[in-house]
Amino acid sequence: MQSPPEPTVEQKRHAVLAQRSRAYRLESDPLKLEAEYDAVIAGTEPDYSAWLAKVAEIKVRYPLPDQ
């Protein structure tokens, strides 16, 4: 029995981008929305530090394949 062909770099890239998109939606987007809401209520500039840290963490967790 022959094993399935290895995915192409473009297929791998597409899969990673889908994983990142899901993680952003579930993990980082709520942090950004909360920071913006809190800032509006307080009349200050948003503190995006938690959001930026989460986005960086997601990028490390789902690295793009080499071209």
PDB file of N, CA and C in Angstrom:
ATOM      1  N   MET A   1       0.847  -1.184   0.000  1.00  0.00           N
ATOM      2  CA  MET A   1       0.000   0.000   0.000  1.00  0.00           C
ATOM      3  C   MET A   1       0.885   1.237   0.000  1.00  0.00           C
ATOM      4  N   GLN A   2       0.582   2.139  -0.888  1.00  0.00           N
ATOM      5  CA  GLN A   2       1.379   3.350  -1.051  1.00  0.00           C
ATOM      6  C   GLN A   2       0.877   4.433  -0.084  1.00  0.00           C
ATOM      7  N   SER A   3       1.831   5.137   0.550  1.00  0.00           N
ATOM      8  CA  SER A   3       1.439   6.217   1.465  1.00  0.00           C
ATOM      9  C   SER A   3       1.031   7.447   0.663  1.00  0.00           C
ATOM     10  N   PRO A   4       0.183   8.300   1.253  1.00  0.00           N
ATOM     11  CA  PRO A   4      -0.252   9.503   0.527  1.00  0.00           C
ATOM     12  C   PRO A   4       0.916  10.434   0.253  1.00  0.00           C
ATOM     13  N   PRO A   5       0.822  11.241  -0.801  1.00  0.00           N
ATOM     14  CA  PRO A   5       1.929  12.150  -1.135  1.00  0.00           C
ATOM     15  C   PRO A   5       2.108  13.215  -0.042  1.00  0.00           C
ATOM     16  N   GLU A   6       3.325  13.648   0.104  1.00  0.00           N
ATOM     17  CA  GLU A   6       3.665  14.709   1.055  1.00  0.00           C
ATOM     18  C   GLU A   6       2.996  16.011   0.617  1.00  0.00           C
ATOM     19  N   PRO A   7       2.365  16.737   1.563  1.00  0.00           N
ATOM     20  CA  PRO A   7       1.745  18.011   1.175  1.00  0.00           C
ATOM     21  C   PRO A   7       2.787  18.997   0.649  1.00  0.00           C
ATOM     22  N   THR A   8       2.359  19.832  -0.276  1.00  0.00           N
ATOM     23  CA  THR A   8       3.258  20.851  -0.815  1.00  0.00           C
ATOM     24  C   THR A   8       3.468  21.943   0.223  1.00  0.00           C
ATOM     25  N   VAL A   9       4.461  22.778   0.007  1.00  0.00           N
ATOM     26  CA  VAL A   9       4.721  23.901   0.906  1.00  0.00           C
ATOM     27  C   VAL A   9       3.498  24.806   0.962  1.00  0.00           C
ATOM     28  N   GLU A  10       2.859  25.023  -0.178  1.00  0.00           N
ATOM     29  CA  GLU A  10       1.677  25.884  -0.211  1.00  0.00           C
ATOM     30  C   GLU A  10       0.522  25.273   0.582  1.00  0.00           C
ATOM     31  N   GLN A  11       0.354  23.964   0.497  1.00  0.00           N
ATOM     32  CA  GLN A  11      -0.688  23.298   1.278  1.00  0.00           C
ATOM     33  C   GLN A  11      -0.389  23.397   2.775  1.00  0.00           C
ATOM     34  N   LYS A  12       0.894  23.215   3.130  1.00  0.00           N
ATOM     35  CA  LYS A  12       1.292  23.344   4.536  1.00  0.00           C
ATOM     36  C   LYS A  12       1.056  24.769   5.027  1.00  0.00           C
ATOM     37  N   ARG A  13       1.418  25.742   4.186  1.00  0.00           N
ATOM     38  CA  ARG A  13       1.226  27.156   4.549  1.00  0.00           C
ATOM     39  C   ARG A  13      -0.251  27.464   4.771  1.00  0.00           C
ATOM     40  N   HIS A  14      -1.090  26.974   3.879  1.00  0.00           N
ATOM     41  CA  HIS A  14      -2.531  27.180   3.997  1.00  0.00           C
ATOM     42  C   HIS A  14      -3.054  26.574   5.307  1.00  0.00           C
ATOM     43  N   ALA A  15      -2.595  25.381   5.654  1.00  0.00           N
ATOM     44  CA  ALA A  15      -3.028  24.713   6.886  1.00  0.00           C
ATOM     45  C   ALA A  15      -2.598  25.503   8.120  1.00  0.00           C
ATOM     46  N   VAL A  16      -1.367  25.999   8.115  1.00  0.00           N
ATOM     47  CA  VAL A  16      -0.870  26.783   9.250  1.00  0.00           C
ATOM     48  C   VAL A  16      -1.652  28.082   9.379  1.00  0.00           C
ATOM     49  N   LEU A  17      -1.923  28.747   8.263  1.00  0.00           N
ATOM     50  CA  LEU A  17      -2.693  29.991   8.318  1.00  0.00           C
ATOM     51  C   LEU A  17      -4.098  29.740   8.854  1.00  0.00           C
ATOM     52  N   ALA A  18      -4.688  28.603   8.524  1.00  0.00           N
ATOM     53  CA  ALA A  18      -6.005  28.258   9.059  1.00  0.00           C
ATOM     54  C   ALA A  18      -5.928  28.030  10.566  1.00  0.00           C
ATOM     55  N   GLN A  19      -4.867  27.363  11.021  1.00  0.00           N
ATOM     56  CA  GLN A  19      -4.687  27.145  12.463  1.00  0.00           C
ATOM     57  C   GLN A  19      -4.495  28.478  13.186  1.00  0.00           C
ATOM     58  N   ARG A  20      -3.688  29.351  12.603  1.00  0.00           N
ATOM     59  CA  ARG A  20      -3.465  30.668  13.199  1.00  0.00           C
ATOM     60  C   ARG A  20      -4.778  31.455  13.269  1.00  0.00           C
ATOM     61  N   SER A  21      -5.529  31.433  12.185  1.00  0.00           N
ATOM     62  CA  SER A  21      -6.775  32.178  12.135  1.00  0.00           C
ATOM     63  C   SER A  21      -7.723  31.727  13.243  1.00  0.00           C
ATOM     64  N   ARG A  22      -7.826  30.430  13.430  1.00  0.00           N
ATOM     65  CA  ARG A  22      -8.695  29.895  14.483  1.00  0.00           C
ATOM     66  C   ARG A  22      -8.191  30.322  15.856  1.00  0.00           C
ATOM     67  N   ALA A  23      -6.892  30.226  16.076  1.00  0.00           N
ATOM     68  CA  ALA A  23      -6.319  30.615  17.362  1.00  0.00           C
ATOM     69  C   ALA A  23      -6.500  32.110  17.616  1.00  0.00           C
ATOM     70  N   TYR A  24      -6.311  32.926  16.586  1.00  0.00           N
ATOM     71  CA  TYR A  24      -6.535  34.369  16.761  1.00  0.00           C
ATOM     72  C   TYR A  24      -7.978  34.624  17.185  1.00  0.00           C
ATOM     73  N   ARG A  25      -8.905  34.011  16.481  1.00  0.00           N
ATOM     74  CA  ARG A  25     -10.325  34.228  16.753  1.00  0.00           C
ATOM     75  C   ARG A  25     -10.695  33.805  18.175  1.00  0.00           C
ATOM     76  N   LEU A  26     -10.166  32.669  18.625  1.00  0.00           N
ATOM     77  CA  LEU A  26     -10.535  32.141  19.938  1.00  0.00           C
ATOM     78  C   LEU A  26      -9.711  32.700  21.095  1.00  0.00           C
ATOM     79  N   GLU A  27      -8.449  33.037  20.834  1.00  0.00           N
ATOM     80  CA  GLU A  27      -7.552  33.390  21.926  1.00  0.00           C
ATOM     81  C   GLU A  27      -7.143  34.860  21.971  1.00  0.00           C
ATOM     82  N   SER A  28      -6.767  35.435  20.839  1.00  0.00           N
ATOM     83  CA  SER A  28      -6.219  36.799  20.886  1.00  0.00           C
ATOM     84  C   SER A  28      -7.263  37.886  20.640  1.00  0.00           C
ATOM     85  N   ASP A  29      -8.212  37.635  19.745  1.00  0.00           N
ATOM     86  CA  ASP A  29      -9.215  38.660  19.454  1.00  0.00           C
ATOM     87  C   ASP A  29      -9.987  39.099  20.703  1.00  0.00           C
ATOM     88  N   PRO A  30     -10.398  38.159  21.578  1.00  0.00           N
ATOM     89  CA  PRO A  30     -11.092  38.604  22.788  1.00  0.00           C
ATOM     90  C   PRO A  30     -10.238  39.521  23.670  1.00  0.00           C
ATOM     91  N   LEU A  31      -8.934  39.295  23.705  1.00  0.00           N
ATOM     92  CA  LEU A  31      -8.052  40.150  24.503  1.00  0.00           C
ATOM     93  C   LEU A  31      -8.013  41.566  23.942  1.00  0.00           C
ATOM     94  N   LYS A  32      -7.982  41.676  22.613  1.00  0.00           N
ATOM     95  CA  LYS A  32      -7.964  43.001  21.987  1.00  0.00           C
ATOM     96  C   LYS A  32      -9.277  43.732  22.227  1.00  0.00           C
ATOM     97  N   LEU A  33     -10.383  43.020  22.063  1.00  0.00           N
ATOM     98  CA  LEU A  33     -11.688  43.638  22.284  1.00  0.00           C
ATOM     99  C   LEU A  33     -11.845  44.104  23.733  1.00  0.00           C
ATOM    100  N   GLU A  34     -11.364  43.299  24.665  1.00  0.00           N
ATOM    101  CA  GLU A  34     -11.446  43.685  26.074  1.00  0.00           C
ATOM    102  C   GLU A  34     -10.599  44.926  26.354  1.00  0.00           C
ATOM    103  N   ALA A  35      -9.396  44.969  25.794  1.00  0.00           N
ATOM    104  CA  ALA A  35      -8.529  46.136  25.987  1.00  0.00           C
ATOM    105  C   ALA A  35      -9.183  47.393  25.427  1.00  0.00           C
ATOM    106  N   GLU A  36      -9.798  47.270  24.258  1.00  0.00           N
ATOM    107  CA  GLU A  36     -10.457  48.422  23.650  1.00  0.00           C
ATOM    108  C   GLU A  36     -11.685  48.852  24.453  1.00  0.00           C
ATOM    109  N   TYR A  37     -12.465  47.909  24.906  1.00  0.00           N
ATOM    110  CA  TYR A  37     -13.631  48.231  25.724  1.00  0.00           C
ATOM    111  C   TYR A  37     -13.214  48.930  27.018  1.00  0.00           C
ATOM    112  N   ASP A  38     -12.238  48.338  27.715  1.00  0.00           N
ATOM    113  CA  ASP A  38     -11.770  48.929  28.971  1.00  0.00           C
ATOM    114  C   ASP A  38     -11.269  50.352  28.758  1.00  0.00           C
ATOM    115  N   ALA A  39     -10.575  50.584  27.652  1.00  0.00           N
ATOM    116  CA  ALA A  39     -10.048  51.916  27.355  1.00  0.00           C
ATOM    117  C   ALA A  39     -11.170  52.907  27.081  1.00  0.00           C
ATOM    118  N   VAL A  40     -12.180  52.491  26.348  1.00  0.00           N
ATOM    119  CA  VAL A  40     -13.311  53.379  26.059  1.00  0.00           C
ATOM    120  C   VAL A  40     -14.007  53.765  27.361  1.00  0.00           C
ATOM    121  N   ILE A  41     -14.250  52.793  28.211  1.00  0.00           N
ATOM    122  CA  ILE A  41     -14.924  53.049  29.492  1.00  0.00           C
ATOM    123  C   ILE A  41     -14.096  53.981  30.370  1.00  0.00           C
ATOM    124  N   ALA A  42     -12.776  53.772  30.386  1.00  0.00           N
ATOM    125  CA  ALA A  42     -11.889  54.574  31.239  1.00  0.00           C
ATOM    126  C   ALA A  42     -11.481  55.891  30.584  1.00  0.00           C
ATOM    127  N   GLY A  43     -11.743  56.045  29.283  1.00  0.00           N
ATOM    128  CA  GLY A  43     -11.325  57.254  28.580  1.00  0.00           C
ATOM    129  C   GLY A  43      -9.821  57.341  28.390  1.00  0.00           C
ATOM    130  N   THR A  44      -9.197  56.182  28.187  1.00  0.00           N
ATOM    131  CA  THR A  44      -7.743  56.118  28.015  1.00  0.00           C
ATOM    132  C   THR A  44      -7.411  55.396  26.710  1.00  0.00           C
ATOM    133  N   GLU A  45      -6.127  55.310  26.438  1.00  0.00           N
ATOM    134  CA  GLU A  45      -5.667  54.533  25.294  1.00  0.00           C
ATOM    135  C   GLU A  45      -5.659  53.049  25.676  1.00  0.00           C
ATOM    136  N   PRO A  46      -5.985  52.161  24.728  1.00  0.00           N
ATOM    137  CA  PRO A  46      -5.985  50.728  25.027  1.00  0.00           C
ATOM    138  C   PRO A  46      -4.581  50.206  25.339  1.00  0.00           C
ATOM    139  N   ASP A  47      -4.515  49.269  26.274  1.00  0.00           N
ATOM    140  CA  ASP A  47      -3.264  48.566  26.578  1.00  0.00           C
ATOM    141  C   ASP A  47      -3.307  47.239  25.826  1.00  0.00           C
ATOM    142  N   TYR A  48      -2.583  47.192  24.725  1.00  0.00           N
ATOM    143  CA  TYR A  48      -2.596  46.010  23.867  1.00  0.00           C
ATOM    144  C   TYR A  48      -1.519  44.978  24.232  1.00  0.00           C
ATOM    145  N   SER A  49      -0.864  45.122  25.355  1.00  0.00           N
ATOM    146  CA  SER A  49       0.266  44.242  25.675  1.00  0.00           C
ATOM    147  C   SER A  49      -0.135  42.767  25.757  1.00  0.00           C
ATOM    148  N   ALA A  50      -1.264  42.446  26.387  1.00  0.00           N
ATOM    149  CA  ALA A  50      -1.693  41.044  26.474  1.00  0.00           C
ATOM    150  C   ALA A  50      -2.031  40.495  25.096  1.00  0.00           C
ATOM    151  N   TRP A  51      -2.685  41.310  24.279  1.00  0.00           N
ATOM    152  CA  TRP A  51      -3.042  40.891  22.923  1.00  0.00           C
ATOM    153  C   TRP A  51      -1.788  40.639  22.086  1.00  0.00           C
ATOM    154  N   LEU A  52      -0.837  41.572  22.144  1.00  0.00           N
ATOM    155  CA  LEU A  52       0.398  41.415  21.370  1.00  0.00           C
ATOM    156  C   LEU A  52       1.173  40.171  21.801  1.00  0.00           C
ATOM    157  N   ALA A  53       1.212  39.912  23.097  1.00  0.00           N
ATOM    158  CA  ALA A  53       1.908  38.722  23.597  1.00  0.00           C
ATOM    159  C   ALA A  53       1.225  37.453  23.098  1.00  0.00           C
ATOM    160  N   LYS A  54      -0.100  37.439  23.086  1.00  0.00           N
ATOM    161  CA  LYS A  54      -0.833  36.257  22.624  1.00  0.00           C
ATOM    162  C   LYS A  54      -0.623  36.038  21.128  1.00  0.00           C
ATOM    163  N   VAL A  55      -0.643  37.101  20.336  1.00  0.00           N
ATOM    164  CA  VAL A  55      -0.401  36.978  18.896  1.00  0.00           C
ATOM    165  C   VAL A  55       1.002  36.413  18.652  1.00  0.00           C
ATOM    166  N   ALA A  56       1.992  36.911  19.372  1.00  0.00           N
ATOM    167  CA  ALA A  56       3.360  36.401  19.224  1.00  0.00           C
ATOM    168  C   ALA A  56       3.428  34.922  19.605  1.00  0.00           C
ATOM    169  N   GLU A  57       2.730  34.548  20.672  1.00  0.00           N
ATOM    170  CA  GLU A  57       2.708  33.148  21.104  1.00  0.00           C
ATOM    171  C   GLU A  57       2.089  32.251  20.026  1.00  0.00           C
ATOM    172  N   ILE A  58       1.019  32.708  19.419  1.00  0.00           N
ATOM    173  CA  ILE A  58       0.359  31.929  18.364  1.00  0.00           C
ATOM    174  C   ILE A  58       1.271  31.775  17.155  1.00  0.00           C
ATOM    175  N   LYS A  59       1.981  32.834  16.793  1.00  0.00           N
ATOM    176  CA  LYS A  59       2.904  32.747  15.647  1.00  0.00           C
ATOM    177  C   LYS A  59       4.028  31.743  15.908  1.00  0.00           C
ATOM    178  N   VAL A  60       4.478  31.660  17.152  1.00  0.00           N
ATOM    179  CA  VAL A  60       5.521  30.678  17.501  1.00  0.00           C
ATOM    180  C   VAL A  60       4.931  29.267  17.482  1.00  0.00           C
ATOM    181  N   ARG A  61       3.720  29.134  17.999  1.00  0.00           N
ATOM    182  CA  ARG A  61       3.065  27.825  18.055  1.00  0.00           C
ATOM    183  C   ARG A  61       2.791  27.269  16.664  1.00  0.00           C
ATOM    184  N   TYR A  62       2.452  28.142  15.727  1.00  0.00           N
ATOM    185  CA  TYR A  62       2.130  27.743  14.349  1.00  0.00           C
ATOM    186  C   TYR A  62       3.065  28.449  13.369  1.00  0.00           C
ATOM    187  N   PRO A  63       4.333  28.033  13.306  1.00  0.00           N
ATOM    188  CA  PRO A  63       5.274  28.692  12.391  1.00  0.00           C
ATOM    189  C   PRO A  63       4.954  28.370  10.932  1.00  0.00           C
ATOM    190  N   LEU A  64       5.175  29.354  10.077  1.00  0.00           N
ATOM    191  CA  LEU A  64       4.984  29.140   8.652  1.00  0.00           C
ATOM    192  C   LEU A  64       6.101  28.260   8.107  1.00  0.00           C
ATOM    193  N   PRO A  65       5.784  27.377   7.172  1.00  0.00           N
ATOM    194  CA  PRO A  65       6.832  26.519   6.605  1.00  0.00           C
ATOM    195  C   PRO A  65       7.803  27.342   5.755  1.00  0.00           C
ATOM    196  N   ASP A  66       9.017  26.844   5.653  1.00  0.00           N
ATOM    197  CA  ASP A  66      10.006  27.487   4.793  1.00  0.00           C
ATOM    198  C   ASP A  66       9.566  27.380   3.350  1.00  0.00           C
ATOM    199  N   GLN A  67       9.846  28.438   2.619  1.00  0.00           N
ATOM    200  CA  GLN A  67       9.451  28.464   1.191  1.00  0.00           C
ATOM    201  C   GLN A  67      10.285  27.555   0.368  1.00  0.00           C
TER     202      GLN A  67
END
